[in-house]
Every structure is written in C-alpha cells, then in structure tokens.
Amino acid sequence: MSGRDRNLTLLLVGCGGLSLLSLACLGAAGVVWTLGGGPDPVTEPASPDPFAPVAPVEEPPLPLEPPETDPAAAVARMRQRYRPGPYVAVEGMLPDGRMRHRRLGGAWRQGRTVDNPWVVAGAELRPGAAPSTSDGAAPSLRSTDAGELTVLAGVPAQLAVSAGAGPGPDGPVQGLLIAFHGYDGHFFLPATVDTELGHVRVAGVEDAAVHFGLDAPLRPDGSAIGPDPFRVTMYVAAVDLAGRVSPYVQRALAVMPVGEGDVEVTLSMTQTTDLDLYVVDPSGVVVYYANGDSFSGARLDLDANAACSGNMGVNAEHVFWPAGRAPAGTYTVRVAHYESCLGGAPVDYRVTVRNCGETVVLSGRFDGDGDNTTCDRSPGSDRSWCQDVVEFEVTPCEPARVL
C-alpha cells in the first residue's frame, strides 16, 4: 500500500454559475449610389458647435435567453454530451439549476415558503415543525438503511424507506413528512410523484428511495459548515389519508465541507468499502488517490476508506476544478474496486457529475474481493475491478445570471 497518500483536505471554495446567451443575426441593407442625374443634392447641415457638451453613448445590454422552459428538450441535449459506460445506469439528468443561483433546481425547490438549504425531490417545504406522531393506530414506516450517511452540498443523496398503510378506509399513505433537526420548516412528499430522479411511490408497503440534498453547506443559523464535518439528524414519517402520523425514522447525516467549482465529480457508496474515483481531464491527466493535485487545477479533496483503514465510514470521494479552471474538452470518469472491506459482498455506488450547473447521476455495482491495479485506462469488458462510468464534454462556464 506504499505511496497511497490519502490525507483528507476539506476546502470551501465559491462556485460560479451558468448563463445561456443567444447570438442575434443582423441583416445589412444595401445602399446604391449613382453618379449624375437624380434629385438635387441635399444641403449639408451646419457643423456642430465644437464646444457643446457631447452626450455619452450607452450601449444597450445584450439580451439573455430565458431559462430553459422545456425540460425534456434540455435533457435530450444533455444526453448528447454525457455518454454512460456499459455497466452503469443513468438515474437522472438535471438541467442547469444554477441559473436560479441554486445548486439544485426545478421540482427540487417547488412550493418553498421557508428559507432552508435542504431540498427534497418532488416535495413541498412547509413552515413550522413537522406534525407529531399520532397516538394509537397509525401507518408504519421503516428504513432498510443504517449507519451515518455522508452528504455533500449539491449532490443528491437517498434514503430507502418502506411504508405500511394505517387501519380503515383512510389508512392508505398519502405522503411522507421529512425534517432536518434544527432547520426551519418541514417537507411533505406525496405518496406518488414524478421527480427529476425518477418516480417515487410509497403507498401501501412498497419500497421507495427518498432523494434529498443540500443546496449549500450551511448550519441552521446560516453560518458556513467547516472545516470539520457537520452532523445533523434527518427524520422521516408516513402520514395516511386520515392525517395520522407514523413514528419517525431517524438517519444520522454527516455533511462534508468540500471544494466547489465549475466541474465536480462525486463518488458515493452504500457501504463502507474501498472504491476509488478516477477522473481523466482533456489532456489525459488522471486525477485519483495517487495524483490528487493536477496542474490543470483539479483537487481530490475527499478520499474514503483507504485500504480499509483510513477515513473509514466517509463513503464518498470528491474531485473538483475551481471556478474558471476546468479545461474545455472531454472528461472520463471511472470507478475502481481497490479492496473489499465487506468480505466480497456486493456494494452499490453512485457518481454525480456537476458541469457548469448541470447535474447527472449514475449508478453501478461491484462484488468480489477487488483489485489494487491502477485504473488509468479503460478496463473494457472486465467489470470486476474497474468500470467506465461516463464520458462528458465541458465548455467554459458562462458568468452567473442575475435574476
């Protein structure tokens, strides 16, 4: 294991934004002058007073296109720029969210009347504390997840739950109640709703994945999180048609303050094991645990479960290029299974790519013992120790739109 320098560096860096500019085509009118004949010449106007003040000429501002109004068209264009590997699934593509100066946009932020940095896909943020658990008969809710979950700002996370109906004709579950300890307001997530990361259905006893995230690394009082991880408890309950509330499921979250930039790639895993994130920039430089600082500006500032002994339980890795530093061109993301800390048991992973405000989420799986071979080139059809996750295009980010 020599040479694997896996120190955790926690940074807070400001992020830029994305603006869509249009190019206007201007037509030129042709003017033809003729010699001889025609009307009498026009008398030249008198010369202006050379001492008269001259009014300044103000250039009109460039028109900006409105934000994307057709999400389907925006996603279709994204699919041309993001090419997933053969063994991964695309969980979702979220068009530019930073045009609204938010890291997660669209349905993630609907119905917000409270200032709260947390977002839940498809849910409405309501003022006030979440309703208390009902006495007596009520629906049920359980979670198959356990342990502390690492959360990074701007990166969708998920919690698996299973709801059971309450008694009587009003027993079916109408939705979930979600709150984050210390933060204002609570979320209501309908039992069946389409979100930007798929269809959520929690009625009856069906399993569901609640997708949530954090816009910015902020504490409940609005101060920045850092330099150490900030721990917060997430509460989830089911509510039936009669308004009866189940006991709340609790999940411990660790918010990691990491660097922000125009391009960010995050690896997260469902269990504590040693998976490694590799990002290849347009010049061919590979950013990974042995090359965490690239001359192009890339930083690997979060590394998890190194050799099953370092940073255990973090379960996330993060590479970013600060604002204005990400080179244009084609990037490649791979995930390697360095060593199993689970005795060869399967582990699911997710990769989130943020590119000038766009967000793409992909998922894959490994099993077996792993392999410590460096994954600095495509593994091809061998998916056991390294997998190609996605290839995507980066163009220089436009300045943030002021709305």
Protein backbone atom coordinates (compact mmCIF):
# COMPACT_ATOMS: atom_id res chain seq x y z
CA MET A 1 0.00 0.00 0.00
CA SER A 2 3.02 2.32 -0.08
CA GLY A 3 2.61 5.54 -1.97
CA ARG A 4 -1.13 5.89 -1.23
CA ASP A 5 -1.20 9.30 0.39
CA ARG A 6 -4.80 9.58 1.44
CA ASN A 7 -5.00 12.63 3.69
CA LEU A 8 -8.39 14.33 3.80
CA THR A 9 -8.32 18.03 2.86
CA LEU A 10 -11.54 19.96 3.47
CA LEU A 11 -11.97 23.14 1.45
CA LEU A 12 -14.69 25.72 0.90
CA VAL A 13 -14.48 27.39 -2.50
CA GLY A 14 -17.03 29.71 -4.09
CA CYS A 15 -18.84 28.46 -7.20
CA GLY A 16 -19.72 30.19 -10.39
CA GLY A 17 -22.86 29.84 -12.46
CA LEU A 18 -24.26 29.28 -15.88
CA SER A 19 -25.96 31.63 -18.29
CA LEU A 20 -27.35 30.88 -21.72
CA LEU A 21 -26.54 33.56 -24.26
CA SER A 22 -28.09 33.82 -27.72
CA LEU A 23 -26.47 35.10 -30.89
CA ALA A 24 -28.63 37.58 -32.85
CA CYS A 25 -28.25 37.69 -36.62
CA LEU A 26 -28.32 41.24 -38.01
CA GLY A 27 -29.20 41.82 -41.65
CA ALA A 28 -27.44 44.58 -43.59
CA ALA A 29 -29.42 46.75 -46.06
CA GLY A 30 -27.58 47.53 -49.31
CA VAL A 31 -27.33 51.21 -50.40
CA VAL A 32 -26.55 52.08 -54.07
CA TRP A 33 -25.14 55.49 -55.05
CA THR A 34 -25.44 56.74 -58.65
CA LEU A 35 -23.43 59.41 -60.48
CA GLY A 36 -25.24 62.12 -62.50
CA GLY A 37 -28.96 62.86 -62.78
CA GLY A 38 -31.34 62.25 -59.91
CA PRO A 39 -32.63 64.77 -57.42
CA ASP A 40 -30.81 67.95 -56.38
CA PRO A 41 -28.10 67.41 -53.80
CA VAL A 42 -29.08 67.85 -50.17
CA THR A 43 -27.54 70.81 -48.41
CA GLU A 44 -25.02 69.71 -45.77
CA PRO A 45 -26.09 70.59 -42.24
CA ALA A 46 -24.08 73.18 -40.33
CA SER A 47 -21.12 71.90 -38.38
CA PRO A 48 -21.90 71.30 -34.71
CA ASP A 49 -20.56 73.58 -32.04
CA PRO A 50 -17.17 72.12 -31.12
CA PHE A 51 -17.57 73.40 -27.56
CA ALA A 52 -21.02 71.91 -26.98
CA PRO A 53 -21.16 69.01 -24.49
CA VAL A 54 -21.38 65.59 -26.09
CA ALA A 55 -23.93 63.16 -24.65
CA PRO A 56 -22.39 59.79 -23.78
CA VAL A 57 -23.41 56.87 -25.94
CA GLU A 58 -24.77 54.00 -23.88
CA GLU A 59 -24.53 50.54 -25.34
CA PRO A 60 -27.74 48.54 -24.82
CA PRO A 61 -27.28 45.39 -22.71
CA LEU A 62 -27.06 42.09 -24.53
CA PRO A 63 -30.36 40.20 -24.40
CA LEU A 64 -30.32 36.96 -22.43
CA GLU A 65 -32.37 33.92 -23.22
CA PRO A 66 -34.89 32.98 -20.54
CA PRO A 67 -34.21 29.83 -18.52
CA GLU A 68 -34.98 26.54 -20.23
CA THR A 69 -38.76 26.06 -20.35
CA ASP A 70 -38.80 22.57 -21.90
CA PRO A 71 -37.07 20.14 -19.51
CA ALA A 72 -37.45 17.23 -21.94
CA ALA A 73 -35.62 19.15 -24.66
CA ALA A 74 -32.91 20.18 -22.21
CA VAL A 75 -32.38 16.57 -21.11
CA ALA A 76 -32.29 15.41 -24.74
CA ARG A 77 -29.46 17.86 -25.40
CA MET A 78 -27.65 16.67 -22.28
CA ARG A 79 -27.78 13.06 -23.49
CA GLN A 80 -25.64 14.10 -26.44
CA ARG A 81 -22.91 15.37 -24.12
CA TYR A 82 -22.96 12.62 -21.45
CA ARG A 83 -22.15 9.09 -22.63
CA PRO A 84 -22.55 6.44 -19.89
CA GLY A 85 -20.43 3.30 -19.68
CA PRO A 86 -21.82 -0.14 -20.47
CA TYR A 87 -22.33 -1.29 -16.87
CA VAL A 88 -23.94 1.75 -15.28
CA ALA A 89 -27.48 3.13 -15.15
CA VAL A 90 -28.42 6.78 -15.60
CA GLU A 91 -30.58 7.69 -12.60
CA GLY A 92 -31.28 11.25 -13.67
CA MET A 93 -30.22 14.31 -15.62
CA LEU A 94 -30.99 17.71 -14.09
CA PRO A 95 -30.64 20.66 -16.48
CA ASP A 96 -29.00 23.87 -15.37
CA GLY A 97 -30.08 24.66 -11.80
CA ARG A 98 -27.55 27.39 -11.03
CA MET A 99 -29.26 29.87 -13.36
CA ARG A 100 -31.52 30.49 -10.36
CA HIS A 101 -28.46 30.75 -8.13
CA ARG A 102 -29.33 27.38 -6.63
CA ARG A 103 -27.36 24.18 -6.94
CA LEU A 104 -30.47 22.02 -7.29
CA GLY A 105 -33.40 23.38 -9.28
CA GLY A 106 -36.72 22.51 -10.84
CA ALA A 107 -39.02 20.20 -8.88
CA TRP A 108 -36.44 20.06 -6.09
CA ARG A 109 -37.42 23.56 -5.00
CA GLN A 110 -41.17 23.79 -5.61
CA GLY A 111 -43.52 25.43 -3.12
CA ARG A 112 -40.80 26.87 -0.88
CA THR A 113 -42.01 29.45 1.63
CA VAL A 114 -39.22 28.95 4.20
CA ASP A 115 -35.51 29.71 3.90
CA ASN A 116 -33.99 26.25 4.30
CA PRO A 117 -30.90 24.96 2.43
CA TRP A 118 -32.21 21.37 2.33
CA VAL A 119 -34.18 20.15 -0.68
CA VAL A 120 -36.25 17.00 -1.24
CA ALA A 121 -37.09 15.98 -4.81
CA GLY A 122 -40.82 16.35 -5.51
CA ALA A 123 -41.60 17.67 -2.02
CA GLU A 124 -43.13 20.92 -0.75
CA LEU A 125 -41.33 22.80 2.03
CA ARG A 126 -43.88 23.91 4.60
CA PRO A 127 -43.42 26.34 7.51
CA GLY A 128 -43.43 25.18 11.09
CA ALA A 129 -42.39 21.99 12.83
CA ALA A 130 -43.38 18.61 11.44
CA PRO A 131 -46.55 17.09 12.98
CA SER A 132 -46.07 14.84 15.99
CA THR A 133 -46.51 11.08 15.94
CA SER A 134 -50.17 10.07 16.39
CA ASP A 135 -51.37 8.20 19.43
CA GLY A 136 -52.86 4.79 18.75
CA ALA A 137 -53.44 3.43 15.25
CA ALA A 138 -51.26 4.94 12.55
CA PRO A 139 -49.40 3.94 9.40
CA SER A 140 -45.93 2.42 9.67
CA LEU A 141 -42.57 3.31 8.20
CA ARG A 142 -39.23 1.59 8.26
CA SER A 143 -35.87 2.15 6.63
CA THR A 144 -33.51 -0.51 5.35
CA ASP A 145 -30.55 1.88 5.60
CA ALA A 146 -28.37 2.08 8.69
CA GLY A 147 -25.34 3.98 9.89
CA GLU A 148 -24.23 7.52 9.17
CA LEU A 149 -24.79 8.85 5.66
CA THR A 150 -22.28 11.26 4.10
CA VAL A 151 -23.84 14.27 2.35
CA LEU A 152 -22.07 16.78 0.10
CA ALA A 153 -23.65 20.09 -0.92
CA GLY A 154 -25.24 19.93 -4.37
CA VAL A 155 -25.01 16.13 -4.58
CA PRO A 156 -28.29 14.17 -4.41
CA ALA A 157 -28.43 11.58 -1.62
CA GLN A 158 -31.11 8.99 -0.96
CA LEU A 159 -32.81 7.17 1.90
CA ALA A 160 -34.63 3.87 1.28
CA VAL A 161 -37.95 3.53 3.15
CA SER A 162 -40.95 1.22 3.16
CA ALA A 163 -44.38 2.46 4.27
CA GLY A 164 -47.36 0.48 5.56
CA ALA A 165 -50.99 1.64 5.50
CA GLY A 166 -52.89 2.53 8.64
CA PRO A 167 -56.21 0.86 9.61
CA GLY A 168 -59.56 1.54 7.98
CA PRO A 169 -60.59 3.14 4.70
CA ASP A 170 -58.41 6.19 5.39
CA GLY A 171 -55.35 4.06 6.05
CA PRO A 172 -53.55 4.39 2.70
CA VAL A 173 -50.43 6.53 2.90
CA GLN A 174 -50.86 9.98 1.36
CA GLY A 175 -47.25 11.03 1.75
CA LEU A 176 -44.10 11.35 3.80
CA LEU A 177 -43.09 14.02 6.32
CA ILE A 178 -39.39 14.90 6.31
CA ALA A 179 -37.47 17.23 8.63
CA PHE A 180 -33.84 18.05 9.38
CA HIS A 181 -33.07 18.76 13.03
CA GLY A 182 -32.56 22.45 13.80
CA TYR A 183 -33.60 23.72 10.35
CA ASP A 184 -36.79 25.71 9.81
CA GLY A 185 -39.84 24.07 8.25
CA HIS A 186 -40.56 20.52 7.14
CA PHE A 187 -41.21 18.78 3.82
CA PHE A 188 -44.31 16.98 2.56
CA LEU A 189 -43.61 14.40 -0.15
CA PRO A 190 -46.72 12.96 -1.89
CA ALA A 191 -47.00 9.17 -1.90
CA THR A 192 -46.79 9.07 -5.69
CA VAL A 193 -44.88 11.74 -7.56
CA ASP A 194 -42.60 12.11 -10.56
CA THR A 195 -39.29 13.74 -9.68
CA GLU A 196 -36.18 14.68 -11.61
CA LEU A 197 -34.56 11.47 -10.38
CA GLY A 198 -37.40 9.09 -11.12
CA HIS A 199 -40.86 8.04 -9.94
CA VAL A 200 -41.43 7.90 -6.18
CA ARG A 201 -44.17 5.58 -4.92
CA VAL A 202 -44.56 4.87 -1.20
CA ALA A 203 -48.24 3.97 -0.88
CA GLY A 204 -49.01 0.66 0.80
CA VAL A 205 -45.90 -1.34 1.69
CA GLU A 206 -43.83 -0.60 -1.40
CA ASP A 207 -40.21 0.43 -1.15
CA ALA A 208 -39.18 3.93 -2.14
CA ALA A 209 -36.00 5.98 -2.34
CA VAL A 210 -36.35 9.49 -0.93
CA HIS A 211 -33.98 11.74 -2.90
CA PHE A 212 -32.71 14.73 -0.96
CA GLY A 213 -29.77 17.11 -0.94
CA LEU A 214 -28.25 20.28 0.47
CA ASP A 215 -28.04 23.43 -1.65
CA ALA A 216 -25.15 24.95 0.27
CA PRO A 217 -23.07 23.83 3.28
CA LEU A 218 -24.91 25.92 5.87
CA ARG A 219 -25.77 25.33 9.52
CA PRO A 220 -29.27 26.06 10.84
CA ASP A 221 -28.16 29.59 11.81
CA GLY A 222 -26.92 30.26 8.26
CA SER A 223 -23.20 30.07 9.07
CA ALA A 224 -20.89 28.04 6.86
CA ILE A 225 -20.08 24.43 7.69
CA GLY A 226 -16.39 23.75 8.08
CA PRO A 227 -13.66 22.87 8.34
CA ASP A 228 -14.94 19.77 10.16
CA PRO A 229 -17.94 17.64 9.14
CA PHE A 230 -21.29 18.85 10.48
CA ARG A 231 -23.64 16.21 11.85
CA VAL A 232 -27.41 16.50 11.66
CA THR A 233 -30.33 14.10 12.11
CA MET A 234 -32.93 13.52 9.39
CA TYR A 235 -36.47 12.50 10.41
CA VAL A 236 -38.99 10.74 8.13
CA ALA A 237 -42.57 9.62 8.91
CA ALA A 238 -45.58 8.39 6.91
CA VAL A 239 -48.96 10.14 7.07
CA ASP A 240 -52.21 8.46 5.96
CA LEU A 241 -55.38 9.93 4.47
CA ALA A 242 -56.79 10.49 7.96
CA GLY A 243 -53.75 12.60 8.88
CA ARG A 244 -52.35 10.01 11.28
CA VAL A 245 -48.56 10.12 11.54
CA SER A 246 -46.29 7.09 11.99
CA PRO A 247 -43.31 7.03 14.35
CA TYR A 248 -40.38 8.89 12.81
CA VAL A 249 -37.42 7.03 11.30
CA GLN A 250 -34.11 8.73 12.12
CA ARG A 251 -30.98 8.80 9.99
CA ALA A 252 -27.67 10.36 11.03
CA LEU A 253 -26.10 12.57 8.35
CA ALA A 254 -22.54 13.89 8.12
CA VAL A 255 -22.25 16.99 5.92
CA MET A 256 -18.74 17.17 4.46
CA PRO A 257 -17.46 20.66 3.52
CA VAL A 258 -15.62 20.14 0.22
CA GLY A 259 -14.42 22.36 -2.59
CA GLU A 260 -16.85 23.83 -5.13
CA GLY A 261 -16.21 24.67 -8.74
CA ASP A 262 -17.39 24.67 -12.33
CA VAL A 263 -16.82 20.90 -12.61
CA GLU A 264 -17.30 18.50 -9.69
CA VAL A 265 -17.38 14.70 -9.65
CA THR A 266 -18.53 12.80 -6.55
CA LEU A 267 -18.46 9.08 -5.81
CA SER A 268 -20.68 7.74 -3.02
CA MET A 269 -21.16 4.14 -1.92
CA THR A 270 -23.87 2.38 0.04
CA GLN A 271 -21.47 0.55 2.34
CA THR A 272 -18.05 1.09 3.88
CA THR A 273 -15.56 -0.33 1.41
CA ASP A 274 -12.62 0.86 -0.69
CA LEU A 275 -13.84 2.15 -4.05
CA ASP A 276 -11.72 4.77 -5.82
CA LEU A 277 -12.73 7.66 -8.07
CA TYR A 278 -10.72 8.36 -11.24
CA VAL A 279 -11.29 11.45 -13.41
CA VAL A 280 -9.35 11.90 -16.67
CA ASP A 281 -9.16 15.51 -17.89
CA PRO A 282 -8.96 16.55 -21.59
CA SER A 283 -5.14 16.48 -21.57
CA GLY A 284 -5.12 12.87 -20.39
CA VAL A 285 -4.08 13.61 -16.78
CA VAL A 286 -5.67 11.13 -14.36
CA VAL A 287 -6.81 12.57 -11.02
CA TYR A 288 -7.05 9.88 -8.31
CA TYR A 289 -5.64 8.97 -4.89
CA ALA A 290 -2.02 8.97 -6.12
CA ASN A 291 -2.40 12.23 -8.08
CA GLY A 292 -4.74 14.40 -6.05
CA ASP A 293 -3.44 17.75 -7.35
CA SER A 294 -3.38 18.29 -11.11
CA PHE A 295 -1.59 21.12 -12.94
CA SER A 296 -4.97 21.88 -14.55
CA GLY A 297 -6.29 22.86 -11.12
CA ALA A 298 -8.10 19.66 -10.14
CA ARG A 299 -8.16 18.59 -6.49
CA LEU A 300 -9.11 15.29 -4.89
CA ASP A 301 -10.18 16.70 -1.52
CA LEU A 302 -12.13 13.74 -0.16
CA ASP A 303 -10.92 10.13 -0.17
CA ALA A 304 -12.74 7.29 1.57
CA ASN A 305 -11.90 4.00 3.27
CA ALA A 306 -8.31 3.83 2.02
CA ALA A 307 -7.11 0.22 2.17
CA CYS A 308 -9.98 -0.41 4.62
CA SER A 309 -8.16 1.60 7.28
CA GLY A 310 -8.21 5.35 6.51
CA ASN A 311 -11.20 7.73 6.59
CA MET A 312 -13.46 4.77 7.33
CA GLY A 313 -17.19 5.41 7.11
CA VAL A 314 -16.93 8.53 4.96
CA ASN A 315 -18.14 6.52 1.94
CA ALA A 316 -17.60 9.35 -0.56
CA GLU A 317 -14.85 10.74 -2.79
CA HIS A 318 -14.78 14.13 -4.49
CA VAL A 319 -12.79 15.79 -7.30
CA PHE A 320 -13.34 19.40 -8.35
CA TRP A 321 -11.96 22.16 -10.57
CA PRO A 322 -12.36 25.66 -9.07
CA ALA A 323 -14.38 28.26 -10.96
CA GLY A 324 -12.66 29.24 -14.19
CA ARG A 325 -10.05 26.46 -14.01
CA ALA A 326 -11.73 23.48 -15.69
CA PRO A 327 -10.19 22.99 -19.16
CA ALA A 328 -12.59 22.58 -22.07
CA GLY A 329 -12.81 19.19 -23.72
CA THR A 330 -13.73 15.57 -22.98
CA TYR A 331 -13.61 14.14 -19.45
CA THR A 332 -13.80 10.46 -18.46
CA VAL A 333 -14.93 9.11 -15.08
CA ARG A 334 -14.09 5.63 -13.81
CA VAL A 335 -14.63 3.84 -10.51
CA ALA A 336 -12.23 1.13 -9.31
CA HIS A 337 -12.83 -1.57 -6.70
CA TYR A 338 -9.49 -1.39 -4.89
CA GLU A 339 -10.24 -3.68 -1.95
CA SER A 340 -13.39 -5.16 -0.43
CA CYS A 341 -13.92 -4.29 3.22
CA LEU A 342 -17.08 -6.43 3.12
CA GLY A 343 -15.67 -9.89 2.51
CA GLY A 344 -16.55 -9.72 -1.18
CA ALA A 345 -20.21 -8.76 -0.65
CA PRO A 346 -21.84 -6.54 -3.32
CA VAL A 347 -21.67 -2.76 -2.99
CA ASP A 348 -23.68 -0.22 -4.97
CA TYR A 349 -22.20 3.14 -5.91
CA ARG A 350 -23.39 6.44 -7.38
CA VAL A 351 -21.44 9.02 -9.35
CA THR A 352 -22.71 12.59 -9.53
CA VAL A 353 -21.26 14.90 -12.19
CA ARG A 354 -21.82 18.65 -11.90
CA ASN A 355 -20.86 20.53 -15.05
CA CYS A 356 -21.49 24.29 -15.19
CA GLY A 357 -24.72 23.88 -13.23
CA GLU A 358 -25.97 20.67 -14.86
CA THR A 359 -26.19 17.55 -12.72
CA VAL A 360 -26.04 13.92 -13.90
CA VAL A 361 -26.42 10.95 -11.54
CA LEU A 362 -25.32 7.42 -12.49
CA SER A 363 -25.14 4.17 -10.53
CA GLY A 364 -23.30 0.85 -10.70
CA ARG A 365 -22.28 -2.17 -8.61
CA PHE A 366 -19.21 -4.21 -7.67
CA ASP A 367 -18.80 -7.52 -5.90
CA GLY A 368 -15.86 -9.78 -5.14
CA ASP A 369 -12.54 -9.01 -3.46
CA GLY A 370 -11.38 -6.12 -5.65
CA ASP A 371 -8.01 -5.48 -7.28
CA ASN A 372 -5.38 -2.83 -6.45
CA THR A 373 -4.32 -2.39 -10.09
CA THR A 374 -4.34 1.29 -11.10
CA CYS A 375 -7.30 2.04 -13.37
CA ASP A 376 -5.58 4.63 -15.57
CA ARG A 377 -7.08 3.25 -18.77
CA SER A 378 -10.37 1.73 -19.86
CA PRO A 379 -10.92 -1.80 -18.47
CA GLY A 380 -13.02 -2.74 -21.47
CA SER A 381 -15.38 -5.63 -20.80
CA ASP A 382 -13.78 -6.55 -17.46
CA ARG A 383 -16.20 -5.01 -14.96
CA SER A 384 -14.98 -6.85 -11.85
CA TRP A 385 -12.39 -4.32 -10.62
CA CYS A 386 -12.86 -1.13 -12.67
CA GLN A 387 -15.75 0.33 -14.65
CA ASP A 388 -16.13 3.16 -17.15
CA VAL A 389 -18.88 5.36 -15.69
CA VAL A 390 -19.34 8.31 -18.05
CA GLU A 391 -17.63 10.43 -20.69
CA PHE A 392 -18.79 14.04 -20.93
CA GLU A 393 -17.98 17.35 -22.58
CA VAL A 394 -17.03 20.57 -20.78
CA THR A 395 -17.17 24.04 -22.31
CA PRO A 396 -16.19 27.21 -20.41
CA CYS A 397 -18.92 28.18 -17.94
CA GLU A 398 -20.73 31.46 -18.58
CA PRO A 399 -21.00 34.07 -15.79
CA ALA A 400 -23.88 33.66 -13.36
CA ARG A 401 -27.18 35.10 -14.48
CA VAL A 402 -28.54 37.85 -12.21
CA LEU A 403 -32.25 37.30 -11.66
